[in-house]
């Protein structure tokens, strides 16, 4: 019997971490838009398939190829809908549908929850255009799974961090001297280590009920300012300036400002119970110790 075929769509940092967990259990292909990305994937034993999610005609080779699909590609940068997911599902639907589809989305689909604890039963209320595109992707995927009988697992991820991950090292922000909110205005923030998210993806390919969403986050419960304070302490850098909400808009980007407008704490019981995932980095304290820790400092003094 041949090994099952897995198609990875959006084979960036997390996708490559997933590849390292699969061993020889899958025959893996990855969608590649840039020809320069093909050779590194071949070196990992992955078959590159040329195609562009923004060019539907280029996706014809995807039809009927995969037994399972790991969808990690972000939506377009603008617009109300995730046209990339629409194009992907149209290509997959031309022939035999995959048996399993795992999608990594975002916890931003919940919108601002005022710091409340949030599980997967909470109605979606995306407040930004970026989150609305993610919610549209979920709706498209659910409709496809119902129509084609595909097992769909949605992993809603918060802030992803990890060693050598672009944007995943808090020292980058600390080095720019960007402020954080004053304690009275601060928001709850949520995280997952890229290695733990990759492990969740690998498990979801085999486990998890269909049409099921899971919060793919760690156990941390902390405010954003405290996160950066602890990261600064661990790295031996100055703590960021604390600024009132009314004054911070002129100091940070619009995208960063949108994150400062939402506060929620995420429950991850489904992730552990249904996938059987044991977090390697249960909180950011353990995770950041391996990223920004200094020699001689004890692990655990992180954020």
C-alpha atoms as a PDB file:
ATOM      1  CA  UNK A   1       0.000   0.000   0.000  1.00  0.00           C
ATOM      2  CA  UNK A   2       1.243   3.464  -0.856  1.00  0.00           C
ATOM      3  CA  UNK A   3       1.700   6.031   1.928  1.00  0.00           C
ATOM      4  CA  UNK A   4      -1.059   8.652   2.071  1.00  0.00           C
ATOM      5  CA  UNK A   5      -0.445  11.851   0.141  1.00  0.00           C
ATOM      6  CA  UNK A   6      -0.269  15.153   2.015  1.00  0.00           C
ATOM      7  CA  UNK A   7      -0.436  18.539   0.304  1.00  0.00           C
ATOM      8  CA  UNK A   8       0.966  21.455   2.307  1.00  0.00           C
ATOM      9  CA  UNK A   9      -0.342  24.830   1.204  1.00  0.00           C
ATOM     10  CA  UNK A  10       1.695  27.693   2.630  1.00  0.00           C
ATOM     11  CA  UNK A  11       4.882  25.816   3.514  1.00  0.00           C
ATOM     12  CA  UNK A  12       6.601  28.528   5.540  1.00  0.00           C
ATOM     13  CA  UNK A  13       8.062  28.335   9.026  1.00  0.00           C
ATOM     14  CA  UNK A  14       5.301  26.269  10.645  1.00  0.00           C
ATOM     15  CA  UNK A  15       4.931  24.060   7.576  1.00  0.00           C
ATOM     16  CA  UNK A  16       8.619  23.181   7.629  1.00  0.00           C
ATOM     17  CA  UNK A  17       8.392  22.354  11.317  1.00  0.00           C
ATOM     18  CA  UNK A  18       5.498  20.002  10.519  1.00  0.00           C
ATOM     19  CA  UNK A  19       7.588  18.288   7.836  1.00  0.00           C
ATOM     20  CA  UNK A  20      10.171  17.410  10.454  1.00  0.00           C
ATOM     21  CA  UNK A  21       7.532  15.506  12.427  1.00  0.00           C
ATOM     22  CA  UNK A  22       6.055  13.369   9.670  1.00  0.00           C
ATOM     23  CA  UNK A  23       8.845  10.909   8.986  1.00  0.00           C
ATOM     24  CA  UNK A  24       8.069   8.469   6.163  1.00  0.00           C
ATOM     25  CA  UNK A  25       4.379   8.151   6.977  1.00  0.00           C
ATOM     26  CA  UNK A  26       3.315  10.533   4.220  1.00  0.00           C
ATOM     27  CA  UNK A  27       4.242  11.295   0.650  1.00  0.00           C
ATOM     28  CA  UNK A  28       4.376  15.083   0.838  1.00  0.00           C
ATOM     29  CA  UNK A  29       3.964  17.780  -1.788  1.00  0.00           C
ATOM     30  CA  UNK A  30       3.941  21.518  -1.209  1.00  0.00           C
ATOM     31  CA  UNK A  31       2.443  24.298  -3.275  1.00  0.00           C
ATOM     32  CA  UNK A  32       5.229  26.612  -4.457  1.00  0.00           C
ATOM     33  CA  UNK A  33       4.665  30.030  -6.006  1.00  0.00           C
ATOM     34  CA  UNK A  34       8.315  31.072  -6.319  1.00  0.00           C
ATOM     35  CA  UNK A  35      10.531  28.629  -8.290  1.00  0.00           C
ATOM     36  CA  UNK A  36      13.402  29.500  -5.953  1.00  0.00           C
ATOM     37  CA  UNK A  37      11.555  27.722  -3.156  1.00  0.00           C
ATOM     38  CA  UNK A  38      11.470  24.382  -4.969  1.00  0.00           C
ATOM     39  CA  UNK A  39      15.055  23.228  -4.381  1.00  0.00           C
ATOM     40  CA  UNK A  40      15.010  23.563  -0.559  1.00  0.00           C
ATOM     41  CA  UNK A  41      11.798  21.557  -0.440  1.00  0.00           C
ATOM     42  CA  UNK A  42      13.251  18.801  -2.603  1.00  0.00           C
ATOM     43  CA  UNK A  43      16.119  18.654  -0.130  1.00  0.00           C
ATOM     44  CA  UNK A  44      13.536  17.855   2.548  1.00  0.00           C
ATOM     45  CA  UNK A  45      12.044  15.046   0.475  1.00  0.00           C
ATOM     46  CA  UNK A  46       9.044  17.139  -0.564  1.00  0.00           C
ATOM     47  CA  UNK A  47       7.662  17.334  -4.101  1.00  0.00           C
ATOM     48  CA  UNK A  48       7.156  20.982  -5.101  1.00  0.00           C
ATOM     49  CA  UNK A  49       4.009  21.715  -7.097  1.00  0.00           C
ATOM     50  CA  UNK A  50       4.082  25.044  -8.920  1.00  0.00           C
ATOM     51  CA  UNK A  51       0.990  27.139  -8.359  1.00  0.00           C
ATOM     52  CA  UNK A  52      -0.270  30.488  -7.109  1.00  0.00           C
ATOM     53  CA  UNK A  53      -3.384  30.837  -4.949  1.00  0.00           C
ATOM     54  CA  UNK A  54      -4.002  34.220  -6.577  1.00  0.00           C
ATOM     55  CA  UNK A  55      -3.996  32.612 -10.062  1.00  0.00           C
ATOM     56  CA  UNK A  56      -6.699  29.904 -10.129  1.00  0.00           C
ATOM     57  CA  UNK A  57      -5.652  28.488 -13.494  1.00  0.00           C
ATOM     58  CA  UNK A  58      -2.249  27.541 -12.037  1.00  0.00           C
ATOM     59  CA  UNK A  59      -3.810  25.161  -9.494  1.00  0.00           C
ATOM     60  CA  UNK A  60      -5.102  22.495 -11.895  1.00  0.00           C
ATOM     61  CA  UNK A  61      -2.477  19.944 -10.775  1.00  0.00           C
ATOM     62  CA  UNK A  62      -3.923  19.905  -7.260  1.00  0.00           C
ATOM     63  CA  UNK A  63      -7.157  18.195  -8.329  1.00  0.00           C
ATOM     64  CA  UNK A  64      -7.450  14.734  -6.832  1.00  0.00           C
ATOM     65  CA  UNK A  65      -3.791  14.511  -5.762  1.00  0.00           C
ATOM     66  CA  UNK A  66      -4.054  14.684  -1.975  1.00  0.00           C
ATOM     67  CA  UNK A  67      -5.492  12.392   0.661  1.00  0.00           C
ATOM     68  CA  UNK A  68      -5.003  15.198   3.186  1.00  0.00           C
ATOM     69  CA  UNK A  69      -4.370  18.933   2.963  1.00  0.00           C
ATOM     70  CA  UNK A  70      -2.639  21.151   5.503  1.00  0.00           C
ATOM     71  CA  UNK A  71      -3.748  24.706   4.715  1.00  0.00           C
ATOM     72  CA  UNK A  72      -1.389  27.269   6.236  1.00  0.00           C
ATOM     73  CA  UNK A  73      -1.623  30.018   3.637  1.00  0.00           C
ATOM     74  CA  UNK A  74      -2.764  33.463   4.800  1.00  0.00           C
ATOM     75  CA  UNK A  75      -5.633  35.271   3.088  1.00  0.00           C
ATOM     76  CA  UNK A  76      -4.980  38.187   0.719  1.00  0.00           C
ATOM     77  CA  UNK A  77      -3.835  41.460   2.245  1.00  0.00           C
ATOM     78  CA  UNK A  78      -7.086  43.231   1.370  1.00  0.00           C
ATOM     79  CA  UNK A  79     -10.687  42.623   0.424  1.00  0.00           C
ATOM     80  CA  UNK A  80     -13.654  41.245   2.340  1.00  0.00           C
ATOM     81  CA  UNK A  81     -13.173  37.580   1.393  1.00  0.00           C
ATOM     82  CA  UNK A  82     -10.394  35.009   1.430  1.00  0.00           C
ATOM     83  CA  UNK A  83     -10.184  34.465  -2.310  1.00  0.00           C
ATOM     84  CA  UNK A  84      -7.106  32.252  -1.886  1.00  0.00           C
ATOM     85  CA  UNK A  85      -9.067  29.660   0.065  1.00  0.00           C
ATOM     86  CA  UNK A  86     -11.854  29.954  -2.495  1.00  0.00           C
ATOM     87  CA  UNK A  87      -9.410  29.208  -5.334  1.00  0.00           C
ATOM     88  CA  UNK A  88      -7.834  26.308  -3.419  1.00  0.00           C
ATOM     89  CA  UNK A  89     -11.168  24.636  -2.706  1.00  0.00           C
ATOM     90  CA  UNK A  90     -12.296  25.082  -6.300  1.00  0.00           C
ATOM     91  CA  UNK A  91      -9.136  23.275  -7.474  1.00  0.00           C
ATOM     92  CA  UNK A  92      -9.489  20.494  -4.915  1.00  0.00           C
ATOM     93  CA  UNK A  93     -13.151  20.041  -5.820  1.00  0.00           C
ATOM     94  CA  UNK A  94     -12.565  19.205  -9.469  1.00  0.00           C
ATOM     95  CA  UNK A  95     -11.885  15.548  -8.685  1.00  0.00           C
ATOM     96  CA  UNK A  96     -11.774  13.262  -5.640  1.00  0.00           C
ATOM     97  CA  UNK A  97     -11.885  15.327  -2.447  1.00  0.00           C
ATOM     98  CA  UNK A  98      -9.227  14.929   0.257  1.00  0.00           C
ATOM     99  CA  UNK A  99     -10.298  12.825   3.212  1.00  0.00           C
ATOM    100  CA  UNK A 100      -8.831  15.274   5.726  1.00  0.00           C
ATOM    101  CA  UNK A 101      -8.264  19.021   5.701  1.00  0.00           C
ATOM    102  CA  UNK A 102      -6.484  20.872   8.510  1.00  0.00           C
ATOM    103  CA  UNK A 103      -6.655  24.671   8.472  1.00  0.00           C
ATOM    104  CA  UNK A 104      -4.631  27.006  10.675  1.00  0.00           C
ATOM    105  CA  UNK A 105      -6.574  30.216  11.184  1.00  0.00           C
ATOM    106  CA  UNK A 106      -6.560  32.846  13.884  1.00  0.00           C
ATOM    107  CA  UNK A 107      -8.161  33.523  17.243  1.00  0.00           C
ATOM    108  CA  UNK A 108      -8.755  37.037  15.936  1.00  0.00           C
ATOM    109  CA  UNK A 109     -12.092  35.748  14.624  1.00  0.00           C
ATOM    110  CA  UNK A 110     -13.455  36.141  18.171  1.00  0.00           C
ATOM    111  CA  UNK A 111     -12.886  39.910  18.165  1.00  0.00           C
ATOM    112  CA  UNK A 112     -12.590  41.850  21.416  1.00  0.00           C
ATOM    113  CA  UNK A 113     -13.872  39.829  24.368  1.00  0.00           C
ATOM    114  CA  UNK A 114     -13.069  42.324  27.113  1.00  0.00           C
ATOM    115  CA  UNK A 115     -10.561  39.995  28.749  1.00  0.00           C
ATOM    116  CA  UNK A 116     -13.090  37.169  29.191  1.00  0.00           C
ATOM    117  CA  UNK A 117     -12.153  33.511  28.932  1.00  0.00           C
ATOM    118  CA  UNK A 118     -13.022  32.239  25.454  1.00  0.00           C
ATOM    119  CA  UNK A 119     -13.625  28.686  24.279  1.00  0.00           C
ATOM    120  CA  UNK A 120     -14.586  27.482  20.832  1.00  0.00           C
ATOM    121  CA  UNK A 121     -18.335  27.779  21.444  1.00  0.00           C
ATOM    122  CA  UNK A 122     -18.128  31.579  21.514  1.00  0.00           C
ATOM    123  CA  UNK A 123     -19.785  33.150  18.435  1.00  0.00           C
ATOM    124  CA  UNK A 124     -17.369  34.703  15.963  1.00  0.00           C
ATOM    125  CA  UNK A 125     -17.254  38.494  15.956  1.00  0.00           C
ATOM    126  CA  UNK A 126     -14.248  39.539  13.847  1.00  0.00           C
ATOM    127  CA  UNK A 127     -13.587  43.249  14.224  1.00  0.00           C
ATOM    128  CA  UNK A 128     -10.804  43.797  11.664  1.00  0.00           C
ATOM    129  CA  UNK A 129     -10.736  43.219   7.928  1.00  0.00           C
ATOM    130  CA  UNK A 130      -7.928  40.714   8.449  1.00  0.00           C
ATOM    131  CA  UNK A 131     -10.016  38.678  10.911  1.00  0.00           C
ATOM    132  CA  UNK A 132     -13.113  38.899   8.691  1.00  0.00           C
ATOM    133  CA  UNK A 133     -11.166  37.299   5.853  1.00  0.00           C
ATOM    134  CA  UNK A 134     -10.150  34.509   8.238  1.00  0.00           C
ATOM    135  CA  UNK A 135     -13.768  33.998   9.305  1.00  0.00           C
ATOM    136  CA  UNK A 136     -14.743  33.837   5.629  1.00  0.00           C
ATOM    137  CA  UNK A 137     -12.118  31.114   5.108  1.00  0.00           C
ATOM    138  CA  UNK A 138     -13.606  29.081   7.952  1.00  0.00           C
ATOM    139  CA  UNK A 139     -17.093  29.397   6.469  1.00  0.00           C
ATOM    140  CA  UNK A 140     -15.876  28.289   3.038  1.00  0.00           C
ATOM    141  CA  UNK A 141     -14.023  25.319   4.495  1.00  0.00           C
ATOM    142  CA  UNK A 142     -17.020  24.198   6.539  1.00  0.00           C
ATOM    143  CA  UNK A 143     -19.297  24.359   3.501  1.00  0.00           C
ATOM    144  CA  UNK A 144     -16.788  22.370   1.428  1.00  0.00           C
ATOM    145  CA  UNK A 145     -16.331  19.729   4.141  1.00  0.00           C
ATOM    146  CA  UNK A 146     -20.075  19.231   4.499  1.00  0.00           C
ATOM    147  CA  UNK A 147     -20.561  19.024   0.751  1.00  0.00           C
ATOM    148  CA  UNK A 148     -17.659  16.660   0.028  1.00  0.00           C
ATOM    149  CA  UNK A 149     -17.554  14.566   3.207  1.00  0.00           C
ATOM    150  CA  UNK A 150     -14.071  15.783   4.183  1.00  0.00           C
ATOM    151  CA  UNK A 151     -12.941  15.681   7.807  1.00  0.00           C
ATOM    152  CA  UNK A 152     -12.125  19.306   8.685  1.00  0.00           C
ATOM    153  CA  UNK A 153     -10.124  20.426  11.720  1.00  0.00           C
ATOM    154  CA  UNK A 154      -9.678  24.172  12.284  1.00  0.00           C
ATOM    155  CA  UNK A 155      -6.801  25.254  14.515  1.00  0.00           C
ATOM    156  CA  UNK A 156      -7.272  28.846  15.681  1.00  0.00           C
ATOM    157  CA  UNK A 157      -3.830  30.174  16.557  1.00  0.00           C
ATOM    158  CA  UNK A 158      -2.936  33.355  18.467  1.00  0.00           C
ATOM    159  CA  UNK A 159       0.505  35.014  18.366  1.00  0.00           C
ATOM    160  CA  UNK A 160       3.036  32.470  17.092  1.00  0.00           C
ATOM    161  CA  UNK A 161       6.593  32.735  18.359  1.00  0.00           C
ATOM    162  CA  UNK A 162       9.725  30.643  18.002  1.00  0.00           C
ATOM    163  CA  UNK A 163      13.448  30.627  17.378  1.00  0.00           C
ATOM    164  CA  UNK A 164      14.421  31.964  13.914  1.00  0.00           C
ATOM    165  CA  UNK A 165      10.818  32.880  13.194  1.00  0.00           C
ATOM    166  CA  UNK A 166      10.312  36.292  11.577  1.00  0.00           C
ATOM    167  CA  UNK A 167       8.257  38.383  13.981  1.00  0.00           C
ATOM    168  CA  UNK A 168       8.432  35.665  16.609  1.00  0.00           C
ATOM    169  CA  UNK A 169      11.260  37.125  18.686  1.00  0.00           C
ATOM    170  CA  UNK A 170      10.157  39.917  21.058  1.00  0.00           C
ATOM    171  CA  UNK A 171      13.674  41.377  21.009  1.00  0.00           C
ATOM    172  CA  UNK A 172      12.887  42.800  17.574  1.00  0.00           C
ATOM    173  CA  UNK A 173      10.129  44.977  19.031  1.00  0.00           C
ATOM    174  CA  UNK A 174      12.091  45.797  22.168  1.00  0.00           C
ATOM    175  CA  UNK A 175      15.050  46.947  20.076  1.00  0.00           C
ATOM    176  CA  UNK A 176      12.831  49.428  18.232  1.00  0.00           C
ATOM    177  CA  UNK A 177      11.854  51.010  21.532  1.00  0.00           C
ATOM    178  CA  UNK A 178       8.143  50.705  20.881  1.00  0.00           C
ATOM    179  CA  UNK A 179       5.902  51.415  23.874  1.00  0.00           C
ATOM    180  CA  UNK A 180       3.247  49.188  25.418  1.00  0.00           C
ATOM    181  CA  UNK A 181      -0.003  50.100  27.103  1.00  0.00           C
ATOM    182  CA  UNK A 182      -0.080  51.364  30.647  1.00  0.00           C
ATOM    183  CA  UNK A 183      -1.279  48.745  33.125  1.00  0.00           C
ATOM    184  CA  UNK A 184      -4.701  50.364  33.482  1.00  0.00           C
ATOM    185  CA  UNK A 185      -5.299  50.118  29.715  1.00  0.00           C
ATOM    186  CA  UNK A 186      -3.530  46.833  28.994  1.00  0.00           C
ATOM    187  CA  UNK A 187      -5.013  43.860  27.139  1.00  0.00           C
ATOM    188  CA  UNK A 188      -4.684  40.117  27.600  1.00  0.00           C
ATOM    189  CA  UNK A 189      -2.472  38.446  25.020  1.00  0.00           C
ATOM    190  CA  UNK A 190      -2.226  34.828  23.881  1.00  0.00           C
ATOM    191  CA  UNK A 191       0.593  32.796  22.372  1.00  0.00           C
ATOM    192  CA  UNK A 192       1.694  29.444  21.017  1.00  0.00           C
ATOM    193  CA  UNK A 193       5.221  28.249  20.316  1.00  0.00           C
ATOM    194  CA  UNK A 194       5.715  27.398  16.640  1.00  0.00           C
ATOM    195  CA  UNK A 195       6.921  23.898  17.600  1.00  0.00           C
ATOM    196  CA  UNK A 196       3.744  23.215  19.574  1.00  0.00           C
ATOM    197  CA  UNK A 197       1.569  24.522  16.732  1.00  0.00           C
ATOM    198  CA  UNK A 198       3.420  22.236  14.312  1.00  0.00           C
ATOM    199  CA  UNK A 199       2.816  19.283  16.631  1.00  0.00           C
ATOM    200  CA  UNK A 200      -0.887  20.187  16.791  1.00  0.00           C
ATOM    201  CA  UNK A 201      -1.012  20.224  12.988  1.00  0.00           C
ATOM    202  CA  UNK A 202       0.635  16.804  12.743  1.00  0.00           C
ATOM    203  CA  UNK A 203      -1.763  15.325  15.302  1.00  0.00           C
ATOM    204  CA  UNK A 204      -4.790  16.891  13.627  1.00  0.00           C
ATOM    205  CA  UNK A 205      -3.961  15.050  10.406  1.00  0.00           C
ATOM    206  CA  UNK A 206      -4.823  11.823  12.238  1.00  0.00           C
ATOM    207  CA  UNK A 207      -7.082  12.899  15.101  1.00  0.00           C
ATOM    208  CA  UNK A 208      -9.873  15.311  15.840  1.00  0.00           C
ATOM    209  CA  UNK A 209     -13.568  15.317  15.040  1.00  0.00           C
ATOM    210  CA  UNK A 210     -14.753  16.785  11.782  1.00  0.00           C
ATOM    211  CA  UNK A 211     -16.080  20.353  11.521  1.00  0.00           C
ATOM    212  CA  UNK A 212     -14.300  21.046  14.799  1.00  0.00           C
ATOM    213  CA  UNK A 213     -12.465  24.208  15.810  1.00  0.00           C
ATOM    214  CA  UNK A 214      -9.752  24.147  18.471  1.00  0.00           C
ATOM    215  CA  UNK A 215      -7.938  27.011  20.151  1.00  0.00           C
ATOM    216  CA  UNK A 216      -4.299  26.196  19.379  1.00  0.00           C
ATOM    217  CA  UNK A 217      -2.732  28.146  22.232  1.00  0.00           C
ATOM    218  CA  UNK A 218      -0.619  27.529  25.311  1.00  0.00           C
ATOM    219  CA  UNK A 219      -1.620  27.874  28.968  1.00  0.00           C
ATOM    220  CA  UNK A 220      -0.355  31.436  29.458  1.00  0.00           C
ATOM    221  CA  UNK A 221      -2.579  34.024  31.128  1.00  0.00           C
ATOM    222  CA  UNK A 222      -0.943  37.431  31.017  1.00  0.00           C
ATOM    223  CA  UNK A 223      -1.199  41.019  29.883  1.00  0.00           C
ATOM    224  CA  UNK A 224       0.734  42.205  26.842  1.00  0.00           C
ATOM    225  CA  UNK A 225       2.840  44.708  28.769  1.00  0.00           C
ATOM    226  CA  UNK A 226       3.859  42.018  31.252  1.00  0.00           C
ATOM    227  CA  UNK A 227       4.862  39.784  28.331  1.00  0.00           C
ATOM    228  CA  UNK A 228       7.282  42.372  26.991  1.00  0.00           C
ATOM    229  CA  UNK A 229       8.543  43.295  30.475  1.00  0.00           C
ATOM    230  CA  UNK A 230       9.484  39.696  31.148  1.00  0.00           C
ATOM    231  CA  UNK A 231      11.007  39.254  27.696  1.00  0.00           C
ATOM    232  CA  UNK A 232      13.133  42.353  28.324  1.00  0.00           C
ATOM    233  CA  UNK A 233      14.232  41.053  31.721  1.00  0.00           C
ATOM    234  CA  UNK A 234      15.212  37.718  30.236  1.00  0.00           C
ATOM    235  CA  UNK A 235      17.177  39.307  27.400  1.00  0.00           C
ATOM    236  CA  UNK A 236      18.838  41.908  29.624  1.00  0.00           C
ATOM    237  CA  UNK A 237      17.165  44.774  27.749  1.00  0.00           C
ATOM    238  CA  UNK A 238      15.341  47.832  29.095  1.00  0.00           C
ATOM    239  CA  UNK A 239      11.660  47.323  29.726  1.00  0.00           C
ATOM    240  CA  UNK A 240       9.419  49.112  27.208  1.00  0.00           C
ATOM    241  CA  UNK A 241       7.838  52.448  28.039  1.00  0.00           C
ATOM    242  CA  UNK A 242       4.273  52.289  29.332  1.00  0.00           C
ATOM    243  CA  UNK A 243       1.895  54.691  27.569  1.00  0.00           C
ATOM    244  CA  UNK A 244      -1.782  55.488  28.023  1.00  0.00           C
ATOM    245  CA  UNK A 245      -4.100  54.240  25.302  1.00  0.00           C
ATOM    246  CA  UNK A 246      -4.939  57.780  24.193  1.00  0.00           C
ATOM    247  CA  UNK A 247      -1.280  58.464  23.375  1.00  0.00           C
ATOM    248  CA  UNK A 248      -0.119  55.216  21.809  1.00  0.00           C
ATOM    249  CA  UNK A 249      -1.717  55.526  18.354  1.00  0.00           C
ATOM    250  CA  UNK A 250       0.981  57.933  17.182  1.00  0.00           C
ATOM    251  CA  UNK A 251       3.754  55.569  18.296  1.00  0.00           C
ATOM    252  CA  UNK A 252       2.831  52.194  16.742  1.00  0.00           C
ATOM    253  CA  UNK A 253       1.665  50.899  13.361  1.00  0.00           C
ATOM    254  CA  UNK A 254      -2.056  50.551  12.561  1.00  0.00           C
ATOM    255  CA  UNK A 255      -1.704  46.768  12.613  1.00  0.00           C
ATOM    256  CA  UNK A 256      -0.056  46.808  16.043  1.00  0.00           C
ATOM    257  CA  UNK A 257      -2.738  49.193  17.242  1.00  0.00           C
ATOM    258  CA  UNK A 258      -5.456  46.756  16.163  1.00  0.00           C
ATOM    259  CA  UNK A 259      -3.961  44.079  18.438  1.00  0.00           C
ATOM    260  CA  UNK A 260      -4.033  46.543  21.323  1.00  0.00           C
ATOM    261  CA  UNK A 261      -7.783  46.940  20.849  1.00  0.00           C
ATOM    262  CA  UNK A 262      -8.651  43.306  21.569  1.00  0.00           C
ATOM    263  CA  UNK A 263      -8.407  41.432  24.863  1.00  0.00           C
ATOM    264  CA  UNK A 264      -9.267  37.785  25.468  1.00  0.00           C
ATOM    265  CA  UNK A 265      -8.007  34.744  27.348  1.00  0.00           C
ATOM    266  CA  UNK A 266      -8.161  31.475  25.490  1.00  0.00           C
ATOM    267  CA  UNK A 267      -9.194  28.089  26.857  1.00  0.00           C
ATOM    268  CA  UNK A 268      -7.346  25.175  25.229  1.00  0.00           C
ATOM    269  CA  UNK A 269      -9.104  22.155  26.723  1.00  0.00           C
ATOM    270  CA  UNK A 270     -10.213  20.797  23.344  1.00  0.00           C
ATOM    271  CA  UNK A 271      -6.678  20.955  21.984  1.00  0.00           C
ATOM    272  CA  UNK A 272      -5.393  18.719  24.755  1.00  0.00           C
ATOM    273  CA  UNK A 273      -8.367  16.379  25.102  1.00  0.00           C
ATOM    274  CA  UNK A 274      -9.208  15.805  21.438  1.00  0.00           C
ATOM    275  CA  UNK A 275      -5.735  15.829  19.885  1.00  0.00           C
ATOM    276  CA  UNK A 276      -3.905  14.461  22.911  1.00  0.00           C
ATOM    277  CA  UNK A 277      -1.341  17.267  22.635  1.00  0.00           C
ATOM    278  CA  UNK A 278       1.051  17.723  25.535  1.00  0.00           C
ATOM    279  CA  UNK A 279       2.525  21.172  25.204  1.00  0.00           C
ATOM    280  CA  UNK A 280       6.295  21.233  25.072  1.00  0.00           C
ATOM    281  CA  UNK A 281       6.142  24.907  26.047  1.00  0.00           C
ATOM    282  CA  UNK A 282       3.117  25.224  28.367  1.00  0.00           C
ATOM    283  CA  UNK A 283       3.665  28.958  28.845  1.00  0.00           C
ATOM    284  CA  UNK A 284       5.760  31.644  27.223  1.00  0.00           C
ATOM    285  CA  UNK A 285       8.063  31.437  30.217  1.00  0.00           C
ATOM    286  CA  UNK A 286       9.377  28.083  29.029  1.00  0.00           C
ATOM    287  CA  UNK A 287       9.266  29.004  25.354  1.00  0.00           C
ATOM    288  CA  UNK A 288      11.078  32.318  25.464  1.00  0.00           C
ATOM    289  CA  UNK A 289      13.757  30.946  27.750  1.00  0.00           C
ATOM    290  CA  UNK A 290      15.147  29.157  24.704  1.00  0.00           C
ATOM    291  CA  UNK A 291      14.875  32.213  22.450  1.00  0.00           C
ATOM    292  CA  UNK A 292      15.942  35.313  24.357  1.00  0.00           C
ATOM    293  CA  UNK A 293      17.550  33.786  27.448  1.00  0.00           C
ATOM    294  CA  UNK A 294      21.111  34.725  28.309  1.00  0.00           C
ATOM    295  CA  UNK A 295      23.782  32.242  29.252  1.00  0.00           C
ATOM    296  CA  UNK A 296      23.753  31.562  32.935  1.00  0.00           C
ATOM    297  CA  UNK A 297      20.153  32.643  33.433  1.00  0.00           C
ATOM    298  CA  UNK A 298      17.813  29.975  34.758  1.00  0.00           C
ATOM    299  CA  UNK A 299      15.013  28.925  32.404  1.00  0.00           C
ATOM    300  CA  UNK A 300      11.596  30.185  33.379  1.00  0.00           C
ATOM    301  CA  UNK A 301      12.330  33.917  33.584  1.00  0.00           C
ATOM    302  CA  UNK A 302      10.610  34.696  30.307  1.00  0.00           C
ATOM    303  CA  UNK A 303       7.372  36.103  28.982  1.00  0.00           C
END
